[in-house]
Amino acid sequence: MTDATIRPELPDRLSVNPRSKFYNAAIFEHEVGIKLNGKERFDVEEYCISEGWVKVASAKALDRRGQPLLLTVKGTVEAFYR
């Protein structure tokens, strides 16, 4: 096995926002997929497997810092590499 095929283990909680303490750049070198209740989601900003939720950006609403508001959707979460 070469170094190019070795992938880091997916954590319990991960965020795509570099400002978050749950952001991990090494994981995003590979394509990550998220399933919520058996259905793949492409709009996930953050997830937590043990607590069973994902956060997705709202359509137009922004917070006071200009970042999209995140809505929490609960269910069974699965993370995987594509």
N, C-alpha and C. Protein backbone atom coordinates (compact mmCIF):
# COMPACT_ATOMS: atom_id res chain seq x y z
N MET A 1 0.84 -1.17 0.00
CA MET A 1 0.00 0.00 0.00
C MET A 1 0.89 1.24 0.00
N THR A 2 0.60 2.18 -0.86
CA THR A 2 1.41 3.39 -0.92
C THR A 2 0.82 4.47 -0.03
N ASP A 3 1.59 5.55 0.18
CA ASP A 3 1.12 6.64 1.02
C ASP A 3 -0.08 7.36 0.43
N ALA A 4 -0.24 7.32 -0.90
CA ALA A 4 -1.34 8.00 -1.56
C ALA A 4 -2.69 7.34 -1.24
N THR A 5 -2.70 6.05 -0.91
CA THR A 5 -3.95 5.36 -0.65
C THR A 5 -4.31 5.32 0.83
N ILE A 6 -3.42 5.73 1.71
CA ILE A 6 -3.71 5.73 3.14
C ILE A 6 -4.58 6.94 3.46
N ARG A 7 -5.69 6.68 4.11
CA ARG A 7 -6.62 7.74 4.48
C ARG A 7 -6.72 7.80 6.00
N PRO A 8 -6.77 9.01 6.57
CA PRO A 8 -6.95 9.09 8.02
C PRO A 8 -8.34 8.61 8.43
N GLU A 9 -8.45 8.11 9.64
CA GLU A 9 -9.73 7.63 10.14
C GLU A 9 -10.68 8.80 10.31
N LEU A 10 -11.93 8.61 9.93
CA LEU A 10 -12.92 9.68 10.07
C LEU A 10 -13.28 9.88 11.54
N PRO A 11 -13.28 11.13 12.01
CA PRO A 11 -13.58 11.38 13.42
C PRO A 11 -15.08 11.33 13.70
N ASP A 12 -15.44 11.33 14.98
CA ASP A 12 -16.83 11.33 15.39
C ASP A 12 -17.52 12.64 15.00
N ARG A 13 -16.76 13.74 15.04
CA ARG A 13 -17.31 15.05 14.71
C ARG A 13 -16.36 15.78 13.78
N LEU A 14 -16.90 16.38 12.71
CA LEU A 14 -16.07 17.04 11.71
C LEU A 14 -16.81 18.24 11.14
N SER A 15 -16.08 19.32 10.85
CA SER A 15 -16.65 20.53 10.28
C SER A 15 -15.85 20.93 9.05
N VAL A 16 -16.52 21.54 8.07
CA VAL A 16 -15.84 22.02 6.87
C VAL A 16 -15.35 23.45 7.03
N ASN A 17 -15.74 24.12 8.11
CA ASN A 17 -15.35 25.50 8.36
C ASN A 17 -13.96 25.54 9.01
N PRO A 18 -12.96 26.18 8.38
CA PRO A 18 -11.61 26.22 8.96
C PRO A 18 -11.53 26.94 10.31
N ARG A 19 -12.52 27.75 10.65
CA ARG A 19 -12.54 28.44 11.94
C ARG A 19 -12.92 27.51 13.09
N SER A 20 -13.55 26.39 12.79
CA SER A 20 -14.04 25.47 13.81
C SER A 20 -12.90 24.65 14.40
N LYS A 21 -13.04 24.30 15.68
CA LYS A 21 -12.03 23.43 16.30
C LYS A 21 -12.17 21.98 15.83
N PHE A 22 -13.25 21.66 15.13
CA PHE A 22 -13.47 20.31 14.61
C PHE A 22 -13.05 20.17 13.16
N TYR A 23 -12.38 21.16 12.60
CA TYR A 23 -11.88 21.13 11.23
C TYR A 23 -10.57 20.35 11.19
N ASN A 24 -10.40 19.51 10.16
CA ASN A 24 -9.18 18.73 9.98
C ASN A 24 -8.84 18.72 8.49
N ALA A 25 -7.81 19.47 8.12
CA ALA A 25 -7.45 19.62 6.70
C ALA A 25 -7.00 18.31 6.06
N ALA A 26 -6.36 17.44 6.82
CA ALA A 26 -5.86 16.18 6.27
C ALA A 26 -7.01 15.30 5.75
N ILE A 27 -8.15 15.36 6.39
CA ILE A 27 -9.28 14.55 5.97
C ILE A 27 -9.85 15.07 4.66
N PHE A 28 -9.84 16.39 4.46
CA PHE A 28 -10.44 16.97 3.27
C PHE A 28 -9.56 16.87 2.04
N GLU A 29 -8.40 16.23 2.15
CA GLU A 29 -7.60 15.91 0.97
C GLU A 29 -8.27 14.79 0.18
N HIS A 30 -9.16 14.05 0.84
CA HIS A 30 -9.94 12.97 0.23
C HIS A 30 -11.40 13.39 0.23
N GLU A 31 -12.18 12.81 -0.66
CA GLU A 31 -13.60 13.16 -0.75
C GLU A 31 -14.38 12.39 0.32
N VAL A 32 -15.14 13.13 1.13
CA VAL A 32 -15.90 12.56 2.24
C VAL A 32 -17.38 12.63 1.90
N GLY A 33 -18.10 11.55 2.19
CA GLY A 33 -19.55 11.50 1.98
C GLY A 33 -20.26 11.35 3.31
N ILE A 34 -21.48 11.88 3.39
CA ILE A 34 -22.29 11.80 4.60
C ILE A 34 -23.67 11.25 4.24
N LYS A 35 -24.13 10.27 5.01
CA LYS A 35 -25.48 9.75 4.86
C LYS A 35 -26.25 10.08 6.13
N LEU A 36 -27.46 10.59 5.95
CA LEU A 36 -28.36 10.87 7.05
C LEU A 36 -29.62 10.04 6.83
N ASN A 37 -29.89 9.15 7.76
CA ASN A 37 -31.04 8.22 7.65
C ASN A 37 -31.01 7.43 6.34
N GLY A 38 -29.82 7.01 5.93
CA GLY A 38 -29.66 6.18 4.74
C GLY A 38 -29.65 6.92 3.42
N LYS A 39 -29.78 8.24 3.45
CA LYS A 39 -29.82 9.04 2.23
C LYS A 39 -28.61 9.97 2.21
N GLU A 40 -27.87 9.96 1.10
CA GLU A 40 -26.66 10.78 1.02
C GLU A 40 -27.01 12.26 0.91
N ARG A 41 -26.30 13.09 1.71
CA ARG A 41 -26.49 14.53 1.70
C ARG A 41 -25.23 15.19 1.17
N PHE A 42 -25.41 16.23 0.37
CA PHE A 42 -24.28 16.93 -0.22
C PHE A 42 -24.11 18.34 0.33
N ASP A 43 -24.98 18.75 1.25
CA ASP A 43 -24.95 20.11 1.78
C ASP A 43 -24.55 20.19 3.25
N VAL A 44 -23.88 19.18 3.77
CA VAL A 44 -23.54 19.12 5.19
C VAL A 44 -22.33 20.00 5.49
N GLU A 45 -22.47 20.86 6.50
CA GLU A 45 -21.39 21.73 6.95
C GLU A 45 -20.63 21.11 8.12
N GLU A 46 -21.34 20.38 8.97
CA GLU A 46 -20.74 19.76 10.15
C GLU A 46 -21.58 18.54 10.52
N TYR A 47 -20.94 17.53 11.12
CA TYR A 47 -21.69 16.35 11.56
C TYR A 47 -21.14 15.84 12.88
N CYS A 48 -21.98 15.08 13.59
CA CYS A 48 -21.56 14.37 14.80
C CYS A 48 -22.27 13.01 14.77
N ILE A 49 -21.49 11.96 14.70
CA ILE A 49 -22.05 10.61 14.59
C ILE A 49 -22.66 10.16 15.92
N SER A 50 -21.95 10.37 17.03
CA SER A 50 -22.42 9.86 18.32
C SER A 50 -23.69 10.56 18.79
N GLU A 51 -23.85 11.86 18.48
CA GLU A 51 -25.04 12.59 18.90
C GLU A 51 -26.15 12.51 17.85
N GLY A 52 -25.84 12.06 16.63
CA GLY A 52 -26.84 11.84 15.60
C GLY A 52 -27.41 13.10 14.97
N TRP A 53 -26.56 14.02 14.54
CA TRP A 53 -27.03 15.23 13.87
C TRP A 53 -26.05 15.70 12.81
N VAL A 54 -26.58 16.47 11.87
CA VAL A 54 -25.78 17.17 10.87
C VAL A 54 -26.26 18.61 10.86
N LYS A 55 -25.38 19.51 10.46
CA LYS A 55 -25.75 20.92 10.32
C LYS A 55 -25.63 21.30 8.84
N VAL A 56 -26.71 21.93 8.34
CA VAL A 56 -26.75 22.38 6.95
C VAL A 56 -27.04 23.88 6.94
N ALA A 57 -26.54 24.57 5.92
CA ALA A 57 -26.73 26.01 5.81
C ALA A 57 -28.16 26.32 5.38
N SER A 58 -28.72 27.38 5.97
CA SER A 58 -30.06 27.82 5.56
C SER A 58 -29.95 28.51 4.20
N ALA A 59 -31.07 28.69 3.56
CA ALA A 59 -31.08 29.21 2.19
C ALA A 59 -30.50 30.62 2.07
N LYS A 60 -31.02 31.57 2.83
CA LYS A 60 -30.60 32.96 2.66
C LYS A 60 -30.15 33.64 3.93
N ALA A 61 -30.52 33.13 5.09
CA ALA A 61 -30.25 33.81 6.35
C ALA A 61 -28.77 33.78 6.71
N LEU A 62 -28.28 34.90 7.22
CA LEU A 62 -26.89 35.03 7.65
C LEU A 62 -26.85 35.43 9.11
N ASP A 63 -25.77 35.02 9.80
CA ASP A 63 -25.60 35.47 11.18
C ASP A 63 -24.96 36.85 11.19
N ARG A 64 -24.65 37.37 12.35
CA ARG A 64 -24.13 38.73 12.45
C ARG A 64 -22.71 38.87 11.92
N ARG A 65 -22.03 37.77 11.69
CA ARG A 65 -20.69 37.79 11.12
C ARG A 65 -20.70 37.57 9.60
N GLY A 66 -21.89 37.42 9.03
CA GLY A 66 -22.02 37.21 7.59
C GLY A 66 -21.91 35.76 7.16
N GLN A 67 -21.85 34.83 8.10
CA GLN A 67 -21.80 33.40 7.80
C GLN A 67 -23.23 32.87 7.70
N PRO A 68 -23.47 31.86 6.87
CA PRO A 68 -24.83 31.30 6.78
C PRO A 68 -25.27 30.68 8.11
N LEU A 69 -26.55 30.83 8.44
CA LEU A 69 -27.09 30.19 9.63
C LEU A 69 -27.14 28.69 9.39
N LEU A 70 -26.82 27.92 10.40
CA LEU A 70 -26.81 26.47 10.28
C LEU A 70 -28.02 25.88 10.98
N LEU A 71 -28.71 25.00 10.28
CA LEU A 71 -29.85 24.29 10.82
C LEU A 71 -29.42 22.89 11.21
N THR A 72 -29.87 22.40 12.35
CA THR A 72 -29.53 21.07 12.82
C THR A 72 -30.61 20.08 12.41
N VAL A 73 -30.19 19.00 11.75
CA VAL A 73 -31.10 17.94 11.34
C VAL A 73 -30.64 16.67 12.05
N LYS A 74 -31.57 16.01 12.76
CA LYS A 74 -31.23 14.84 13.55
C LYS A 74 -31.60 13.55 12.84
N GLY A 75 -30.84 12.51 13.13
CA GLY A 75 -31.10 11.20 12.54
C GLY A 75 -29.86 10.32 12.68
N THR A 76 -29.82 9.23 11.95
CA THR A 76 -28.69 8.31 11.95
C THR A 76 -27.66 8.82 10.95
N VAL A 77 -26.45 9.09 11.43
CA VAL A 77 -25.40 9.68 10.60
C VAL A 77 -24.33 8.65 10.30
N GLU A 78 -23.92 8.57 9.03
CA GLU A 78 -22.83 7.70 8.60
C GLU A 78 -21.87 8.55 7.78
N ALA A 79 -20.57 8.46 8.09
CA ALA A 79 -19.55 9.16 7.31
C ALA A 79 -18.70 8.12 6.60
N PHE A 80 -18.29 8.42 5.36
CA PHE A 80 -17.50 7.47 4.60
C PHE A 80 -16.67 8.23 3.57
N TYR A 81 -15.64 7.57 3.08
CA TYR A 81 -14.84 8.11 1.96
C TYR A 81 -15.45 7.62 0.66
N ARG A 82 -15.51 8.49 -0.32
CA ARG A 82 -16.03 8.10 -1.64
C ARG A 82 -14.94 7.50 -2.47
